[in-house]
C-alpha atoms as a PDB file:
ATOM      1  CA  MET A   1     -14.776   8.083   6.371  1.00  0.00           C
ATOM      2  CA  SER A   2     -15.418   6.220   9.625  1.00  0.00           C
ATOM      3  CA  ILE A   3     -13.060   3.752  11.315  1.00  0.00           C
ATOM      4  CA  ASP A   4     -15.542   0.978  10.438  1.00  0.00           C
ATOM      5  CA  GLU A   5     -15.445   1.960   6.744  1.00  0.00           C
ATOM      6  CA  GLU A   6     -11.647   2.056   6.782  1.00  0.00           C
ATOM      7  CA  ALA A   7     -11.521  -1.377   8.465  1.00  0.00           C
ATOM      8  CA  SER A   8     -13.976  -2.694   5.862  1.00  0.00           C
ATOM      9  CA  ALA A   9     -11.699  -1.372   3.090  1.00  0.00           C
ATOM     10  CA  LEU A  10      -8.691  -3.084   4.701  1.00  0.00           C
ATOM     11  CA  ARG A  11     -10.661  -6.346   4.763  1.00  0.00           C
ATOM     12  CA  ARG A  12     -10.850  -6.205   0.934  1.00  0.00           C
ATOM     13  CA  VAL A  13      -7.031  -6.307   0.641  1.00  0.00           C
ATOM     14  CA  PRO A  14      -5.899  -9.971   0.461  1.00  0.00           C
ATOM     15  CA  PRO A  15      -3.124  -9.951   3.121  1.00  0.00           C
ATOM     16  CA  PHE A  16      -5.533  -8.375   5.642  1.00  0.00           C
ATOM     17  CA  GLN A  17      -8.571 -10.609   4.979  1.00  0.00           C
ATOM     18  CA  PRO A  18      -7.932 -13.061   7.856  1.00  0.00           C
ATOM     19  CA  VAL A  19      -7.207 -10.282  10.385  1.00  0.00           C
ATOM     20  CA  SER A  20      -9.823  -9.794  13.101  1.00  0.00           C
ATOM     21  CA  ALA A  21     -12.196  -6.833  12.846  1.00  0.00           C
ATOM     22  CA  SER A  22     -10.884  -5.336  16.080  1.00  0.00           C
ATOM     23  CA  ARG A  23      -7.291  -5.395  14.838  1.00  0.00           C
ATOM     24  CA  LEU A  24      -8.289  -3.902  11.476  1.00  0.00           C
ATOM     25  CA  LYS A  25     -10.006  -1.096  13.392  1.00  0.00           C
ATOM     26  CA  LEU A  26      -6.802  -0.523  15.370  1.00  0.00           C
ATOM     27  CA  LEU A  27      -4.831  -0.265  12.128  1.00  0.00           C
ATOM     28  CA  ALA A  28      -7.445   2.068  10.649  1.00  0.00           C
ATOM     29  CA  PHE A  29      -7.332   4.244  13.779  1.00  0.00           C
ATOM     30  CA  ALA A  30      -3.525   4.450  13.538  1.00  0.00           C
ATOM     31  CA  SER A  31      -3.694   5.345   9.827  1.00  0.00           C
ATOM     32  CA  GLU A  32      -4.732   8.482   7.977  1.00  0.00           C
ATOM     33  CA  VAL A  33      -7.107   9.023   5.065  1.00  0.00           C
ATOM     34  CA  ILE A  34      -5.693  11.497   2.537  1.00  0.00           C
ATOM     35  CA  SER A  35      -6.824  12.776  -0.852  1.00  0.00           C
ATOM     36  CA  GLU A  36      -4.573  13.758  -3.742  1.00  0.00           C
ATOM     37  CA  PRO A  37      -5.398  15.292  -7.131  1.00  0.00           C
ATOM     38  CA  ALA A  38      -4.689  13.614 -10.465  1.00  0.00           C
ATOM     39  CA  GLY A  39      -1.048  13.969 -11.473  1.00  0.00           C
ATOM     40  CA  THR A  40       0.363  13.785  -7.928  1.00  0.00           C
ATOM     41  CA  THR A  41       3.374  11.504  -7.479  1.00  0.00           C
ATOM     42  CA  ILE A  42       2.635   9.372  -4.418  1.00  0.00           C
ATOM     43  CA  ILE A  43       5.802   7.264  -4.429  1.00  0.00           C
ATOM     44  CA  ARG A  44       9.018   7.764  -6.374  1.00  0.00           C
ATOM     45  CA  GLN A  45      11.087   4.723  -7.380  1.00  0.00           C
ATOM     46  CA  ASP A  46      14.419   4.255  -5.548  1.00  0.00           C
ATOM     47  CA  GLN A  47      13.507   6.571  -2.657  1.00  0.00           C
ATOM     48  CA  HIS A  48      13.364   5.453   0.960  1.00  0.00           C
ATOM     49  CA  GLY A  49       9.879   4.687   2.263  1.00  0.00           C
ATOM     50  CA  GLU A  50       8.265   4.474   5.694  1.00  0.00           C
ATOM     51  CA  ILE A  51       4.642   4.560   4.493  1.00  0.00           C
ATOM     52  CA  SER A  52       2.449   2.055   2.674  1.00  0.00           C
ATOM     53  CA  PHE A  53      -0.940   2.811   1.147  1.00  0.00           C
ATOM     54  CA  ILE A  54      -4.320   1.302   0.402  1.00  0.00           C
ATOM     55  CA  LEU A  55      -6.024   2.932  -2.568  1.00  0.00           C
ATOM     56  CA  LEU A  56      -9.580   3.652  -1.434  1.00  0.00           C
ATOM     57  CA  ASP A  57     -10.839   5.521  -4.484  1.00  0.00           C
ATOM     58  CA  GLY A  58      -9.503   6.398  -7.931  1.00  0.00           C
ATOM     59  CA  THR A  59      -6.787   4.965 -10.144  1.00  0.00           C
ATOM     60  CA  VAL A  60      -2.999   5.199  -9.989  1.00  0.00           C
ATOM     61  CA  THR A  61      -0.348   4.491 -12.605  1.00  0.00           C
ATOM     62  CA  VAL A  62       2.608   2.230 -11.783  1.00  0.00           C
ATOM     63  CA  GLU A  63       5.900   2.938 -13.565  1.00  0.00           C
ATOM     64  CA  ILE A  64       9.083   0.909 -13.136  1.00  0.00           C
ATOM     65  CA  PHE A  65      12.305   2.055 -14.737  1.00  0.00           C
ATOM     66  CA  LYS A  66      15.417  -0.075 -15.223  1.00  0.00           C
ATOM     67  CA  ASP A  67      18.513   1.318 -16.896  1.00  0.00           C
ATOM     68  CA  GLU A  68      16.593   4.586 -17.389  1.00  0.00           C
ATOM     69  CA  LYS A  69      14.027   2.809 -19.597  1.00  0.00           C
ATOM     70  CA  ASN A  70      10.396   2.347 -18.679  1.00  0.00           C
ATOM     71  CA  GLN A  71      10.246  -1.404 -18.213  1.00  0.00           C
ATOM     72  CA  PHE A  72       6.707  -1.662 -16.837  1.00  0.00           C
ATOM     73  CA  THR A  73       3.639   0.506 -16.797  1.00  0.00           C
ATOM     74  CA  GLY A  74       0.371  -0.557 -15.251  1.00  0.00           C
ATOM     75  CA  GLU A  75      -2.538   0.691 -13.226  1.00  0.00           C
ATOM     76  CA  MET A  76      -4.011  -0.074  -9.834  1.00  0.00           C
ATOM     77  CA  GLU A  77      -7.591   0.456  -8.778  1.00  0.00           C
ATOM     78  CA  PRO A  78      -9.384   0.606  -5.414  1.00  0.00           C
ATOM     79  CA  PHE A  79      -8.198  -1.705  -2.662  1.00  0.00           C
ATOM     80  CA  ALA A  80      -4.716  -1.996  -4.138  1.00  0.00           C
ATOM     81  CA  PHE A  81      -1.985  -2.197  -1.494  1.00  0.00           C
ATOM     82  CA  PHE A  82       1.267  -0.489  -2.445  1.00  0.00           C
ATOM     83  CA  GLY A  83       4.427   0.944  -0.930  1.00  0.00           C
ATOM     84  CA  GLU A  84       4.714  -2.178   1.182  1.00  0.00           C
ATOM     85  CA  ILE A  85       7.926  -3.455  -0.408  1.00  0.00           C
ATOM     86  CA  ALA A  86      10.046  -0.612   0.972  1.00  0.00           C
ATOM     87  CA  VAL A  87       8.320  -0.813   4.352  1.00  0.00           C
ATOM     88  CA  ILE A  88       8.521  -4.586   4.805  1.00  0.00           C
ATOM     89  CA  ARG A  89      11.906  -5.209   3.218  1.00  0.00           C
ATOM     90  CA  ASN A  90      13.683  -1.976   4.205  1.00  0.00           C
ATOM     91  CA  SER A  91      14.546  -1.477   0.553  1.00  0.00           C
ATOM     92  CA  PRO A  92      14.186   1.448  -1.849  1.00  0.00           C
ATOM     93  CA  ARG A  93      10.804   2.026  -3.478  1.00  0.00           C
ATOM     94  CA  ALA A  94      10.313  -0.464  -6.317  1.00  0.00           C
ATOM     95  CA  ALA A  95       8.120   1.765  -8.506  1.00  0.00           C
ATOM     96  CA  THR A  96       6.846   5.262  -9.086  1.00  0.00           C
ATOM     97  CA  ILE A  97       3.139   5.615  -8.336  1.00  0.00           C
ATOM     98  CA  ILE A  98       1.237   8.570  -9.827  1.00  0.00           C
ATOM     99  CA  ALA A  99      -2.414   9.475  -9.325  1.00  0.00           C
ATOM    100  CA  LYS A 100      -4.136   8.999 -12.675  1.00  0.00           C
ATOM    101  CA  THR A 101      -7.392  10.397 -11.267  1.00  0.00           C
ATOM    102  CA  ASP A 102      -8.211  12.211  -8.060  1.00  0.00           C
ATOM    103  CA  ILE A 103      -7.567   9.592  -5.379  1.00  0.00           C
ATOM    104  CA  THR A 104      -8.249   8.776  -1.761  1.00  0.00           C
ATOM    105  CA  LEU A 105      -5.668   6.757   0.142  1.00  0.00           C
ATOM    106  CA  LEU A 106      -5.320   5.121   3.526  1.00  0.00           C
ATOM    107  CA  LYS A 107      -1.797   6.054   4.616  1.00  0.00           C
ATOM    108  CA  ILE A 108      -0.272   3.368   6.870  1.00  0.00           C
ATOM    109  CA  SER A 109       2.940   4.084   8.770  1.00  0.00           C
ATOM    110  CA  LYS A 110       5.682   1.510   9.143  1.00  0.00           C
ATOM    111  CA  ILE A 111       5.161   1.609  12.913  1.00  0.00           C
ATOM    112  CA  ALA A 112       1.426   0.880  12.614  1.00  0.00           C
ATOM    113  CA  LEU A 113       2.013  -1.951  10.141  1.00  0.00           C
ATOM    114  CA  ASN A 114       4.801  -3.440  12.274  1.00  0.00           C
ATOM    115  CA  ASN A 115       2.586  -3.271  15.373  1.00  0.00           C
ATOM    116  CA  LEU A 116      -0.145  -5.183  13.559  1.00  0.00           C
ATOM    117  CA  MET A 117       2.352  -7.759  12.272  1.00  0.00           C
ATOM    118  CA  ASP A 118       3.549  -8.264  15.872  1.00  0.00           C
ATOM    119  CA  MET A 119      -0.050  -8.966  16.965  1.00  0.00           C
ATOM    120  CA  GLU A 120      -1.111 -10.980  13.915  1.00  0.00           C
ATOM    121  CA  PRO A 121       0.748 -14.235  13.236  1.00  0.00           C
ATOM    122  CA  GLY A 122       1.161 -14.866   9.532  1.00  0.00           C
ATOM    123  CA  LEU A 123       0.524 -11.307   8.343  1.00  0.00           C
ATOM    124  CA  ALA A 124       4.160 -10.656   7.429  1.00  0.00           C
ATOM    125  CA  GLU A 125       4.206 -13.864   5.384  1.00  0.00           C
ATOM    126  CA  ARG A 126       0.946 -12.954   3.616  1.00  0.00           C
ATOM    127  CA  ILE A 127       2.309  -9.511   2.752  1.00  0.00           C
ATOM    128  CA  ASP A 128       5.508 -11.100   1.455  1.00  0.00           C
ATOM    129  CA  GLU A 129       3.431 -13.490  -0.697  1.00  0.00           C
ATOM    130  CA  HIS A 130       1.490 -10.473  -1.981  1.00  0.00           C
ATOM    131  CA  ILE A 131       4.779  -8.802  -2.967  1.00  0.00           C
ATOM    132  CA  GLU A 132       6.048 -11.938  -4.697  1.00  0.00           C
ATOM    133  CA  SER A 133       2.794 -12.450  -6.591  1.00  0.00           C
ATOM    134  CA  ARG A 134       2.998  -8.954  -8.120  1.00  0.00           C
ATOM    135  CA  GLY A 135       6.611  -9.349  -9.218  1.00  0.00           C
ATOM    136  CA  TYR A 136       7.326  -5.596  -9.148  1.00  0.00           C
ATOM    137  CA  HIS A 137      10.422  -6.054  -7.016  1.00  0.00           C
ATOM    138  CA  LEU A 138      12.284  -8.098  -9.642  1.00  0.00           C
END
């Protein structure tokens, strides 16, 4: 996948839509495309996290446990942005994310995301709105 294709994928994620093409390319360049087979746990609830992800291809399952009971199960499809709660809020992972199918991800480090937020006024607020709109952190 080229840097232009990665930047185009980022553009499809709501918090990144207003970001300039050149800055999306910088984020894409600082990120890594990875593939994982179905059944792989990408994120485990309550663990520390320094990486966020954009799902480029495939489907993942979202599981949230409270009091050792599965309180929420859902799915995310391409161009979903996840792992951002732990990265942005310095909090434990809010959910367990498991590859339902073979997947391709754009892996974004906390440093790369923070650098973009420093350059891009309003991005942190848009990401926070994205988190609030999903309600997974509750």
